[in-house]
Amino acid sequence: TISRDNAKNTVYLQLNSLKPEDTAVYYCRAFSSNDDYWG
């Protein structure tokens, strides 16, 4: 589940029922038509 707290400028990703195939590096992205940023 993805959610956001606009007051904190923070986005969350709740990961439940995790599986071995979910193993990865997870990257945050913020973008618009003119800008594109990655964590």
Full PDB file with SEQRES, HELIX, SHEET, SSBOND, CRYST1, ORIGX, SCALE, CONECT and MASTER records, all heavy atoms in Angstrom:
SEQRES   1 A   39  THR ILE SER ARG ASP ASN ALA LYS ASN THR VAL TYR LEU          
SEQRES   2 A   39  GLN LEU ASN SER LEU LYS PRO GLU ASP THR ALA VAL TYR          
SEQRES   3 A   39  TYR CYS ARG ALA PHE SER SER ASN ASP ASP TYR TRP GLY          
HELIX    1 AA1 ASN A    6  LYS A    8  5                                   3    
HELIX    2 AA2 PRO A   20  ASP A   22  5                                   3    
SHEET    1 AA1 2 ILE A   2  ASP A   5  0                                        
SHEET    2 AA1 2 THR A  10  LEU A  13 -1                                        
SHEET    1 AA2 2 ARG A  29  PHE A  31  0                                        
SHEET    2 AA2 2 ASP A  36  TRP A  38 -1                                        
CRYST1    1.000    1.000    1.000  90.00  90.00  90.00 P 1           1          
ORIGX1      1.000000  0.000000  0.000000        0.00000                         
ORIGX2      0.000000  1.000000  0.000000        0.00000                         
ORIGX3      0.000000  0.000000  1.000000        0.00000                         
SCALE1      1.000000  0.000000  0.000000        0.00000                         
SCALE2      0.000000  1.000000  0.000000        0.00000                         
SCALE3      0.000000  0.000000  1.000000        0.00000                         
ATOM      1  N   THR A   1       0.840  -1.193   0.000  1.00  0.00           N  
ATOM      2  CA  THR A   1       0.000   0.000   0.000  1.00  0.00           C  
ATOM      3  C   THR A   1       0.875   1.243   0.000  1.00  0.00           C  
ATOM      4  O   THR A   1       1.755   1.380   0.861  1.00  0.00           O  
ATOM      5  CB  THR A   1      -0.925   0.036   1.221  1.00  0.00           C  
ATOM      6  OG1 THR A   1      -1.726  -1.152   1.251  1.00  0.00           O  
ATOM      7  CG2 THR A   1      -1.837   1.247   1.177  1.00  0.00           C  
ATOM      8  N   ILE A   2       0.623   2.143  -0.944  1.00  0.00           N  
ATOM      9  CA  ILE A   2       1.333   3.410  -0.994  1.00  0.00           C  
ATOM     10  C   ILE A   2       0.447   4.482  -0.389  1.00  0.00           C  
ATOM     11  O   ILE A   2      -0.776   4.486  -0.586  1.00  0.00           O  
ATOM     12  CB  ILE A   2       1.746   3.769  -2.442  1.00  0.00           C  
ATOM     13  CG1 ILE A   2       2.685   4.971  -2.447  1.00  0.00           C  
ATOM     14  CG2 ILE A   2       0.527   3.993  -3.331  1.00  0.00           C  
ATOM     15  CD1 ILE A   2       3.329   5.241  -3.816  1.00  0.00           C  
ATOM     16  N   SER A   3       1.048   5.383   0.369  1.00  0.00           N  
ATOM     17  CA  SER A   3       0.303   6.474   0.983  1.00  0.00           C  
ATOM     18  C   SER A   3       1.228   7.683   1.093  1.00  0.00           C  
ATOM     19  O   SER A   3       2.437   7.575   0.903  1.00  0.00           O  
ATOM     20  CB  SER A   3      -0.231   6.068   2.360  1.00  0.00           C  
ATOM     21  OG  SER A   3       0.839   5.755   3.236  1.00  0.00           O  
ATOM     22  N   ARG A   4       0.632   8.828   1.413  1.00  0.00           N  
ATOM     23  CA  ARG A   4       1.439  10.027   1.531  1.00  0.00           C  
ATOM     24  C   ARG A   4       0.948  10.897   2.667  1.00  0.00           C  
ATOM     25  O   ARG A   4      -0.242  10.922   2.980  1.00  0.00           O  
ATOM     26  CB  ARG A   4       1.432  10.805   0.206  1.00  0.00           C  
ATOM     27  CG  ARG A   4       0.071  11.318  -0.239  1.00  0.00           C  
ATOM     28  CD  ARG A   4       0.114  11.837  -1.671  1.00  0.00           C  
ATOM     29  NE  ARG A   4       1.047  12.953  -1.804  1.00  0.00           N  
ATOM     30  CZ  ARG A   4       1.520  13.392  -2.968  1.00  0.00           C  
ATOM     31  NH1 ARG A   4       1.168  12.779  -4.092  1.00  0.00           N  
ATOM     32  NH2 ARG A   4       2.343  14.412  -3.027  1.00  0.00           N  
ATOM     33  N   ASP A   5       1.897  11.608   3.280  1.00  0.00           N  
ATOM     34  CA  ASP A   5       1.605  12.602   4.305  1.00  0.00           C  
ATOM     35  C   ASP A   5       2.095  13.926   3.740  1.00  0.00           C  
ATOM     36  O   ASP A   5       3.294  14.212   3.763  1.00  0.00           O  
ATOM     37  CB  ASP A   5       2.318  12.239   5.608  1.00  0.00           C  
ATOM     38  CG  ASP A   5       1.976  13.197   6.739  1.00  0.00           C  
ATOM     39  OD1 ASP A   5       1.636  14.363   6.466  1.00  0.00           O  
ATOM     40  OD2 ASP A   5       2.073  12.775   7.895  1.00  0.00           O  
ATOM     41  N   ASN A   6       1.190  14.721   3.213  1.00  0.00           N  
ATOM     42  CA  ASN A   6       1.591  15.964   2.549  1.00  0.00           C  
ATOM     43  C   ASN A   6       2.238  16.948   3.521  1.00  0.00           C  
ATOM     44  O   ASN A   6       3.133  17.698   3.137  1.00  0.00           O  
ATOM     45  CB  ASN A   6       0.384  16.610   1.872  1.00  0.00           C  
ATOM     46  CG  ASN A   6      -0.098  15.809   0.675  1.00  0.00           C  
ATOM     47  OD1 ASN A   6       0.693  15.140   0.008  1.00  0.00           O  
ATOM     48  ND2 ASN A   6      -1.387  15.860   0.408  1.00  0.00           N  
ATOM     49  N   ALA A   7       1.800  16.947   4.755  1.00  0.00           N  
ATOM     50  CA  ALA A   7       2.374  17.858   5.740  1.00  0.00           C  
ATOM     51  C   ALA A   7       3.851  17.569   5.986  1.00  0.00           C  
ATOM     52  O   ALA A   7       4.629  18.462   6.306  1.00  0.00           O  
ATOM     53  CB  ALA A   7       1.597  17.777   7.041  1.00  0.00           C  
ATOM     54  N   LYS A   8       4.223  16.297   5.841  1.00  0.00           N  
ATOM     55  CA  LYS A   8       5.614  15.892   6.071  1.00  0.00           C  
ATOM     56  C   LYS A   8       6.382  15.698   4.768  1.00  0.00           C  
ATOM     57  O   LYS A   8       7.555  15.319   4.792  1.00  0.00           O  
ATOM     58  CB  LYS A   8       5.656  14.591   6.872  1.00  0.00           C  
ATOM     59  CG  LYS A   8       5.095  14.709   8.281  1.00  0.00           C  
ATOM     60  CD  LYS A   8       5.213  13.384   9.025  1.00  0.00           C  
ATOM     61  CE  LYS A   8       4.692  13.508  10.446  1.00  0.00           C  
ATOM     62  NZ  LYS A   8       4.803  12.225  11.188  1.00  0.00           N  
ATOM     63  N   ASN A   9       5.709  15.927   3.627  1.00  0.00           N  
ATOM     64  CA  ASN A   9       6.342  15.686   2.315  1.00  0.00           C  
ATOM     65  C   ASN A   9       6.929  14.276   2.231  1.00  0.00           C  
ATOM     66  O   ASN A   9       8.013  14.066   1.658  1.00  0.00           O  
ATOM     67  CB  ASN A   9       7.432  16.715   2.023  1.00  0.00           C  
ATOM     68  CG  ASN A   9       6.864  18.075   1.706  1.00  0.00           C  
ATOM     69  OD1 ASN A   9       5.741  18.193   1.220  1.00  0.00           O  
ATOM     70  ND2 ASN A   9       7.622  19.113   2.002  1.00  0.00           N  
ATOM     71  N   THR A  10       6.220  13.331   2.799  1.00  0.00           N  
ATOM     72  CA  THR A  10       6.714  11.965   2.888  1.00  0.00           C  
ATOM     73  C   THR A  10       5.725  10.997   2.252  1.00  0.00           C  
ATOM     74  O   THR A  10       4.509  11.138   2.428  1.00  0.00           O  
ATOM     75  CB  THR A  10       6.958  11.575   4.351  1.00  0.00           C  
ATOM     76  OG1 THR A  10       7.956  12.449   4.897  1.00  0.00           O  
ATOM     77  CG2 THR A  10       7.458  10.136   4.465  1.00  0.00           C  
ATOM     78  N   VAL A  11       6.272  10.041   1.513  1.00  0.00           N  
ATOM     79  CA  VAL A  11       5.475   8.968   0.929  1.00  0.00           C  
ATOM     80  C   VAL A  11       5.910   7.657   1.573  1.00  0.00           C  
ATOM     81  O   VAL A  11       7.109   7.454   1.835  1.00  0.00           O  
ATOM     82  CB  VAL A  11       5.674   8.909  -0.592  1.00  0.00           C  
ATOM     83  CG1 VAL A  11       5.019   7.665  -1.180  1.00  0.00           C  
ATOM     84  CG2 VAL A  11       5.070  10.138  -1.247  1.00  0.00           C  
ATOM     85  N   TYR A  12       4.949   6.803   1.832  1.00  0.00           N  
ATOM     86  CA  TYR A  12       5.217   5.528   2.491  1.00  0.00           C  
ATOM     87  C   TYR A  12       4.846   4.363   1.565  1.00  0.00           C  
ATOM     88  O   TYR A  12       3.969   4.490   0.705  1.00  0.00           O  
ATOM     89  CB  TYR A  12       4.407   5.405   3.781  1.00  0.00           C  
ATOM     90  CG  TYR A  12       4.628   6.532   4.738  1.00  0.00           C  
ATOM     91  CD1 TYR A  12       3.762   7.627   4.776  1.00  0.00           C  
ATOM     92  CD2 TYR A  12       5.712   6.527   5.608  1.00  0.00           C  
ATOM     93  CE1 TYR A  12       3.962   8.678   5.646  1.00  0.00           C  
ATOM     94  CE2 TYR A  12       5.927   7.569   6.491  1.00  0.00           C  
ATOM     95  CZ  TYR A  12       5.044   8.642   6.510  1.00  0.00           C  
ATOM     96  OH  TYR A  12       5.258   9.680   7.368  1.00  0.00           O  
ATOM     97  N   LEU A  13       5.514   3.250   1.769  1.00  0.00           N  
ATOM     98  CA  LEU A  13       5.123   2.018   1.109  1.00  0.00           C  
ATOM     99  C   LEU A  13       5.058   0.934   2.175  1.00  0.00           C  
ATOM    100  O   LEU A  13       6.087   0.565   2.748  1.00  0.00           O  
ATOM    101  CB  LEU A  13       6.107   1.624   0.007  1.00  0.00           C  
ATOM    102  CG  LEU A  13       5.695   0.403  -0.823  1.00  0.00           C  
ATOM    103  CD1 LEU A  13       4.471   0.739  -1.681  1.00  0.00           C  
ATOM    104  CD2 LEU A  13       6.849  -0.056  -1.722  1.00  0.00           C  
ATOM    105  N   GLN A  14       3.848   0.469   2.458  1.00  0.00           N  
ATOM    106  CA  GLN A  14       3.644  -0.623   3.404  1.00  0.00           C  
ATOM    107  C   GLN A  14       3.724  -1.934   2.642  1.00  0.00           C  
ATOM    108  O   GLN A  14       2.959  -2.150   1.700  1.00  0.00           O  
ATOM    109  CB  GLN A  14       2.284  -0.492   4.081  1.00  0.00           C  
ATOM    110  CG  GLN A  14       1.976  -1.592   5.071  1.00  0.00           C  
ATOM    111  CD  GLN A  14       2.861  -1.560   6.298  1.00  0.00           C  
ATOM    112  OE1 GLN A  14       3.163  -0.489   6.825  1.00  0.00           O  
ATOM    113  NE2 GLN A  14       3.299  -2.735   6.754  1.00  0.00           N  
ATOM    114  N   LEU A  15       4.650  -2.786   3.045  1.00  0.00           N  
ATOM    115  CA  LEU A  15       4.858  -4.064   2.378  1.00  0.00           C  
ATOM    116  C   LEU A  15       4.412  -5.175   3.319  1.00  0.00           C  
ATOM    117  O   LEU A  15       5.012  -5.379   4.376  1.00  0.00           O  
ATOM    118  CB  LEU A  15       6.332  -4.270   2.036  1.00  0.00           C  
ATOM    119  CG  LEU A  15       7.017  -3.350   1.016  1.00  0.00           C  
ATOM    120  CD1 LEU A  15       7.261  -1.957   1.581  1.00  0.00           C  
ATOM    121  CD2 LEU A  15       8.324  -3.949   0.570  1.00  0.00           C  
ATOM    122  N   ASN A  16       3.353  -5.869   2.951  1.00  0.00           N  
ATOM    123  CA  ASN A  16       2.828  -6.983   3.733  1.00  0.00           C  
ATOM    124  C   ASN A  16       2.939  -8.285   2.952  1.00  0.00           C  
ATOM    125  O   ASN A  16       3.102  -8.279   1.727  1.00  0.00           O  
ATOM    126  CB  ASN A  16       1.369  -6.738   4.103  1.00  0.00           C  
ATOM    127  CG  ASN A  16       1.177  -5.550   5.004  1.00  0.00           C  
ATOM    128  OD1 ASN A  16       2.055  -5.185   5.794  1.00  0.00           O  
ATOM    129  ND2 ASN A  16       0.021  -4.914   4.894  1.00  0.00           N  
ATOM    130  N   SER A  17       2.865  -9.398   3.666  1.00  0.00           N  
ATOM    131  CA  SER A  17       2.912 -10.725   3.039  1.00  0.00           C  
ATOM    132  C   SER A  17       4.095 -10.832   2.083  1.00  0.00           C  
ATOM    133  O   SER A  17       3.965 -11.280   0.935  1.00  0.00           O  
ATOM    134  CB  SER A  17       1.600 -11.006   2.288  1.00  0.00           C  
ATOM    135  OG  SER A  17       0.494 -10.924   3.158  1.00  0.00           O  
ATOM    136  N   LEU A  18       5.254 -10.425   2.567  1.00  0.00           N  
ATOM    137  CA  LEU A  18       6.432 -10.379   1.708  1.00  0.00           C  
ATOM    138  C   LEU A  18       6.862 -11.768   1.251  1.00  0.00           C  
ATOM    139  O   LEU A  18       6.724 -12.756   1.991  1.00  0.00           O  
ATOM    140  CB  LEU A  18       7.575  -9.684   2.435  1.00  0.00           C  
ATOM    141  CG  LEU A  18       7.462  -8.158   2.445  1.00  0.00           C  
ATOM    142  CD1 LEU A  18       8.314  -7.549   3.534  1.00  0.00           C  
ATOM    143  CD2 LEU A  18       7.860  -7.597   1.085  1.00  0.00           C  
ATOM    144  N   LYS A  19       7.375 -11.811   0.032  1.00  0.00           N  
ATOM    145  CA  LYS A  19       7.835 -13.048  -0.582  1.00  0.00           C  
ATOM    146  C   LYS A  19       9.311 -12.893  -0.942  1.00  0.00           C  
ATOM    147  O   LYS A  19       9.792 -11.773  -1.146  1.00  0.00           O  
ATOM    148  CB  LYS A  19       7.047 -13.324  -1.866  1.00  0.00           C  
ATOM    149  CG  LYS A  19       5.544 -13.356  -1.695  1.00  0.00           C  
ATOM    150  CD  LYS A  19       4.851 -13.500  -3.037  1.00  0.00           C  
ATOM    151  CE  LYS A  19       3.334 -13.508  -2.885  1.00  0.00           C  
ATOM    152  NZ  LYS A  19       2.652 -13.640  -4.203  1.00  0.00           N  
ATOM    153  N   PRO A  20      10.045 -13.997  -1.059  1.00  0.00           N  
ATOM    154  CA  PRO A  20      11.461 -13.895  -1.450  1.00  0.00           C  
ATOM    155  C   PRO A  20      11.652 -13.135  -2.762  1.00  0.00           C  
ATOM    156  O   PRO A  20      12.657 -12.426  -2.917  1.00  0.00           O  
ATOM    157  CB  PRO A  20      11.881 -15.355  -1.578  1.00  0.00           C  
ATOM    158  CG  PRO A  20      11.008 -16.078  -0.597  1.00  0.00           C  
ATOM    159  CD  PRO A  20       9.683 -15.375  -0.677  1.00  0.00           C  
ATOM    160  N   GLU A  21      10.708 -13.245  -3.665  1.00  0.00           N  
ATOM    161  CA  GLU A  21      10.833 -12.538  -4.945  1.00  0.00           C  
ATOM    162  C   GLU A  21      10.640 -11.029  -4.820  1.00  0.00           C  
ATOM    163  O   GLU A  21      10.824 -10.299  -5.806  1.00  0.00           O  
ATOM    164  CB  GLU A  21       9.858 -13.108  -5.995  1.00  0.00           C  
ATOM    165  CG  GLU A  21       8.424 -13.215  -5.540  1.00  0.00           C  
ATOM    166  CD  GLU A  21       8.064 -14.599  -5.024  1.00  0.00           C  
ATOM    167  OE1 GLU A  21       8.881 -15.190  -4.265  1.00  0.00           O  
ATOM    168  OE2 GLU A  21       6.970 -15.079  -5.367  1.00  0.00           O  
ATOM    169  N   ASP A  22      10.274 -10.541  -3.649  1.00  0.00           N  
ATOM    170  CA  ASP A  22      10.206  -9.100  -3.413  1.00  0.00           C  
ATOM    171  C   ASP A  22      11.576  -8.525  -3.060  1.00  0.00           C  
ATOM    172  O   ASP A  22      11.716  -7.307  -2.935  1.00  0.00           O  
ATOM    173  CB  ASP A  22       9.231  -8.789  -2.268  1.00  0.00           C  
ATOM    174  CG  ASP A  22       7.791  -9.133  -2.611  1.00  0.00           C  
ATOM    175  OD1 ASP A  22       7.366  -8.843  -3.746  1.00  0.00           O  
ATOM    176  OD2 ASP A  22       7.107  -9.689  -1.730  1.00  0.00           O  
ATOM    177  N   THR A  23      12.562  -9.384  -2.895  1.00  0.00           N  
ATOM    178  CA  THR A  23      13.913  -8.924  -2.579  1.00  0.00           C  
ATOM    179  C   THR A  23      14.446  -8.038  -3.688  1.00  0.00           C  
ATOM    180  O   THR A  23      14.465  -8.422  -4.865  1.00  0.00           O  
ATOM    181  CB  THR A  23      14.851 -10.128  -2.375  1.00  0.00           C  
ATOM    182  OG1 THR A  23      14.425 -10.857  -1.223  1.00  0.00           O  
ATOM    183  CG2 THR A  23      16.288  -9.670  -2.192  1.00  0.00           C  
ATOM    184  N   ALA A  24      14.865  -6.830  -3.331  1.00  0.00           N  
ATOM    185  CA  ALA A  24      15.345  -5.855  -4.313  1.00  0.00           C  
ATOM    186  C   ALA A  24      15.797  -4.598  -3.583  1.00  0.00           C  
ATOM    187  O   ALA A  24      15.562  -4.441  -2.382  1.00  0.00           O  
ATOM    188  CB  ALA A  24      14.229  -5.491  -5.296  1.00  0.00           C  
ATOM    189  N   VAL A  25      16.437  -3.710  -4.331  1.00  0.00           N  
ATOM    190  CA  VAL A  25      16.649  -2.354  -3.851  1.00  0.00           C  
ATOM    191  C   VAL A  25      15.419  -1.541  -4.256  1.00  0.00           C  
ATOM    192  O   VAL A  25      15.035  -1.552  -5.432  1.00  0.00           O  
ATOM    193  CB  VAL A  25      17.922  -1.728  -4.442  1.00  0.00           C  
ATOM    194  CG1 VAL A  25      18.074  -0.286  -3.955  1.00  0.00           C  
ATOM    195  CG2 VAL A  25      19.145  -2.550  -4.052  1.00  0.00           C  
ATOM    196  N   TYR A  26      14.811  -0.882  -3.303  1.00  0.00           N  
ATOM    197  CA  TYR A  26      13.603  -0.098  -3.542  1.00  0.00           C  
ATOM    198  C   TYR A  26      13.992   1.375  -3.634  1.00  0.00           C  
ATOM    199  O   TYR A  26      14.655   1.911  -2.735  1.00  0.00           O  
ATOM    200  CB  TYR A  26      12.594  -0.332  -2.426  1.00  0.00           C  
ATOM    201  CG  TYR A  26      11.881  -1.655  -2.569  1.00  0.00           C  
ATOM    202  CD1 TYR A  26      12.558  -2.847  -2.351  1.00  0.00           C  
ATOM    203  CD2 TYR A  26      10.537  -1.717  -2.936  1.00  0.00           C  
ATOM    204  CE1 TYR A  26      11.922  -4.073  -2.507  1.00  0.00           C  
ATOM    205  CE2 TYR A  26       9.886  -2.935  -3.086  1.00  0.00           C  
ATOM    206  CZ  TYR A  26      10.584  -4.107  -2.876  1.00  0.00           C  
ATOM    207  OH  TYR A  26       9.944  -5.318  -3.025  1.00  0.00           O  
ATOM    208  N   TYR A  27      13.556   2.010  -4.725  1.00  0.00           N  
ATOM    209  CA  TYR A  27      13.878   3.404  -4.990  1.00  0.00           C  
ATOM    210  C   TYR A  27      12.621   4.266  -4.957  1.00  0.00           C  
ATOM    211  O   TYR A  27      11.574   3.883  -5.498  1.00  0.00           O  
ATOM    212  CB  TYR A  27      14.516   3.557  -6.374  1.00  0.00           C  
ATOM    213  CG  TYR A  27      15.849   2.876  -6.526  1.00  0.00           C  
ATOM    214  CD1 TYR A  27      15.925   1.557  -6.983  1.00  0.00           C  
ATOM    215  CD2 TYR A  27      17.031   3.536  -6.217  1.00  0.00           C  
ATOM    216  CE1 TYR A  27      17.146   0.924  -7.134  1.00  0.00           C  
ATOM    217  CE2 TYR A  27      18.259   2.908  -6.375  1.00  0.00           C  
ATOM    218  CZ  TYR A  27      18.307   1.602  -6.833  1.00  0.00           C  
ATOM    219  OH  TYR A  27      19.517   0.991  -6.979  1.00  0.00           O  
ATOM    220  N   CYS A  28      12.766   5.426  -4.383  1.00  0.00           N  
ATOM    221  CA  CYS A  28      11.712   6.422  -4.368  1.00  0.00           C  
ATOM    222  C   CYS A  28      11.916   7.341  -5.572  1.00  0.00           C  
ATOM    223  O   CYS A  28      13.051   7.678  -5.923  1.00  0.00           O  
ATOM    224  CB  CYS A  28      11.799   7.208  -3.069  1.00  0.00           C  
ATOM    225  SG  CYS A  28      10.641   8.546  -2.919  1.00  0.00           S  
ATOM    226  N   ARG A  29      10.812   7.758  -6.171  1.00  0.00           N  
ATOM    227  CA  ARG A  29      10.864   8.659  -7.314  1.00  0.00           C  
ATOM    228  C   ARG A  29       9.836   9.755  -7.133  1.00  0.00           C  
ATOM    229  O   ARG A  29       8.740   9.526  -6.617  1.00  0.00           O  
ATOM    230  CB  ARG A  29      10.582   7.892  -8.606  1.00  0.00           C  
ATOM    231  CG  ARG A  29      10.700   8.729  -9.871  1.00  0.00           C  
ATOM    232  CD  ARG A  29      10.242   7.950 -11.093  1.00  0.00           C  
ATOM    233  NE  ARG A  29      10.422   8.709 -12.330  1.00  0.00           N  
ATOM    234  CZ  ARG A  29       9.850   8.390 -13.502  1.00  0.00           C  
ATOM    235  NH1 ARG A  29       9.087   7.305 -13.596  1.00  0.00           N  
ATOM    236  NH2 ARG A  29      10.067   9.131 -14.564  1.00  0.00           N  
ATOM    237  N   ALA A  30      10.193  10.963  -7.586  1.00  0.00           N  
ATOM    238  CA  ALA A  30       9.279  12.103  -7.584  1.00  0.00           C  
ATOM    239  C   ALA A  30       9.407  12.783  -8.940  1.00  0.00           C  
ATOM    240  O   ALA A  30      10.517  13.123  -9.345  1.00  0.00           O  
ATOM    241  CB  ALA A  30       9.606  13.073  -6.463  1.00  0.00           C  
ATOM    242  N   PHE A  31       8.285  12.970  -9.639  1.00  0.00           N  
ATOM    243  CA  PHE A  31       8.421  13.510 -10.982  1.00  0.00           C  
ATOM    244  C   PHE A  31       7.190  14.295 -11.413  1.00  0.00           C  
ATOM    245  O   PHE A  31       6.108  14.204 -10.833  1.00  0.00           O  
ATOM    246  CB  PHE A  31       8.725  12.396 -11.987  1.00  0.00           C  
ATOM    247  CG  PHE A  31       7.638  11.353 -12.130  1.00  0.00           C  
ATOM    248  CD1 PHE A  31       6.715  11.440 -13.161  1.00  0.00           C  
ATOM    249  CD2 PHE A  31       7.559  10.281 -11.254  1.00  0.00           C  
ATOM    250  CE1 PHE A  31       5.733  10.479 -13.313  1.00  0.00           C  
ATOM    251  CE2 PHE A  31       6.578   9.312 -11.395  1.00  0.00           C  
ATOM    252  CZ  PHE A  31       5.658   9.402 -12.428  1.00  0.00           C  
ATOM    253  N   SER A  32       7.425  15.111 -12.453  1.00  0.00           N  
ATOM    254  CA  SER A  32       6.374  15.848 -13.130  1.00  0.00           C  
ATOM    255  C   SER A  32       6.747  15.849 -14.606  1.00  0.00           C  
ATOM    256  O   SER A  32       7.690  15.164 -15.012  1.00  0.00           O  
ATOM    257  CB  SER A  32       6.263  17.260 -12.574  1.00  0.00           C  
ATOM    258  OG  SER A  32       7.445  17.987 -12.871  1.00  0.00           O  
ATOM    259  N   SER A  33       6.067  16.645 -15.393  1.00  0.00           N  
ATOM    260  CA  SER A  33       6.381  16.694 -16.821  1.00  0.00           C  
ATOM    261  C   SER A  33       7.749  17.304 -17.072  1.00  0.00           C  
ATOM    262  O   SER A  33       8.374  17.047 -18.105  1.00  0.00           O  
ATOM    263  CB  SER A  33       5.305  17.480 -17.570  1.00  0.00           C  
ATOM    264  OG  SER A  33       5.179  18.772 -17.033  1.00  0.00           O  
ATOM    265  N   ASN A  34       8.235  18.104 -16.130  1.00  0.00           N  
ATOM    266  CA  ASN A  34       9.502  18.796 -16.339  1.00  0.00           C  
ATOM    267  C   ASN A  34      10.647  18.303 -15.463  1.00  0.00           C  
ATOM    268  O   ASN A  34      11.805  18.628 -15.743  1.00  0.00           O  
ATOM    269  CB  ASN A  34       9.333  20.299 -16.075  1.00  0.00           C  
ATOM    270  CG  ASN A  34       8.371  20.945 -17.052  1.00  0.00           C  
ATOM    271  OD1 ASN A  34       8.391  20.652 -18.241  1.00  0.00           O  
ATOM    272  ND2 ASN A  34       7.522  21.817 -16.550  1.00  0.00           N  
ATOM    273  N   ASP A  35      10.352  17.594 -14.423  1.00  0.00           N  
ATOM    274  CA  ASP A  35      11.365  17.207 -13.449  1.00  0.00           C  
ATOM    275  C   ASP A  35      11.271  15.723 -13.119  1.00  0.00           C  
ATOM    276  O   ASP A  35      10.193  15.142 -13.169  1.00  0.00           O  
ATOM    277  CB  ASP A  35      11.210  18.010 -12.149  1.00  0.00           C  
ATOM    278  CG  ASP A  35      11.317  19.501 -12.383  1.00  0.00           C  
ATOM    279  OD1 ASP A  35      12.410  19.950 -12.762  1.00  0.00           O  
ATOM    280  OD2 ASP A  35      10.307  20.201 -12.188  1.00  0.00           O  
ATOM    281  N   ASP A  36      12.397  15.152 -12.719  1.00  0.00           N  
ATOM    282  CA  ASP A  36      12.444  13.728 -12.394  1.00  0.00           C  
ATOM    283  C   ASP A  36      13.562  13.507 -11.395  1.00  0.00           C  
ATOM    284  O   ASP A  36      14.741  13.759 -11.702  1.00  0.00           O  
ATOM    285  CB  ASP A  36      12.694  12.912 -13.663  1.00  0.00           C  
ATOM    286  CG  ASP A  36      12.399  11.441 -13.470  1.00  0.00           C  
ATOM    287  OD1 ASP A  36      12.158  11.024 -12.314  1.00  0.00           O  
ATOM    288  OD2 ASP A  36      12.405  10.685 -14.462  1.00  0.00           O  
ATOM    289  N   TYR A  37      13.200  13.050 -10.182  1.00  0.00           N  
ATOM    290  CA  TYR A  37      14.176  12.866  -9.113  1.00  0.00           C  
ATOM    291  C   TYR A  37      14.069  11.449  -8.551  1.00  0.00           C  
ATOM    292  O   TYR A  37      12.972  10.892  -8.446  1.00  0.00           O  
ATOM    293  CB  TYR A  37      13.947  13.869  -7.978  1.00  0.00           C  
ATOM    294  CG  TYR A  37      13.997  15.308  -8.434  1.00  0.00           C  
ATOM    295  CD1 TYR A  37      12.829  15.996  -8.730  1.00  0.00           C  
ATOM    296  CD2 TYR A  37      15.219  15.977  -8.559  1.00  0.00           C  
ATOM    297  CE1 TYR A  37      12.865  17.312  -9.145  1.00  0.00           C  
ATOM    298  CE2 TYR A  37      15.260  17.297  -8.980  1.00  0.00           C  
ATOM    299  CZ  TYR A  37      14.078  17.953  -9.263  1.00  0.00           C  
ATOM    300  OH  TYR A  37      14.124  19.264  -9.682  1.00  0.00           O  
ATOM    301  N   TRP A  38      15.246  10.918  -8.140  1.00  0.00           N  
ATOM    302  CA  TRP A  38      15.309   9.574  -7.566  1.00  0.00           C  
ATOM    303  C   TRP A  38      16.062   9.618  -6.241  1.00  0.00           C  
ATOM    304  O   TRP A  38      16.987  10.409  -6.071  1.00  0.00           O  
ATOM    305  CB  TRP A  38      16.046   8.622  -8.506  1.00  0.00           C  
ATOM    306  CG  TRP A  38      15.303   8.306  -9.764  1.00  0.00           C  
ATOM    307  CD1 TRP A  38      15.300   9.030 -10.920  1.00  0.00           C  
ATOM    308  CD2 TRP A  38      14.456   7.173 -10.002  1.00  0.00           C  
ATOM    309  NE1 TRP A  38      14.502   8.427 -11.859  1.00  0.00           N  
ATOM    310  CE2 TRP A  38      13.981   7.280 -11.330  1.00  0.00           C  
ATOM    311  CE3 TRP A  38      14.067   6.082  -9.241  1.00  0.00           C  
ATOM    312  CZ2 TRP A  38      13.119   6.330 -11.889  1.00  0.00           C  
ATOM    313  CZ3 TRP A  38      13.209   5.141  -9.802  1.00  0.00           C  
ATOM    314  CH2 TRP A  38      12.748   5.274 -11.120  1.00  0.00           C  
ATOM    315  N   GLY A  39      15.671   8.743  -5.337  1.00  0.00           N  
ATOM    316  CA  GLY A  39      16.417   8.554  -4.109  1.00  0.00           C  
ATOM    317  C   GLY A  39      17.567   7.586  -4.322  1.00  0.00           C  
ATOM    318  O   GLY A  39      17.755   7.050  -5.414  1.00  0.00           O  
TER     319      GLY A  39                                                      
MASTER        0    0    0    2    4    0    0    6  318    1    0    3          
END                                                                             
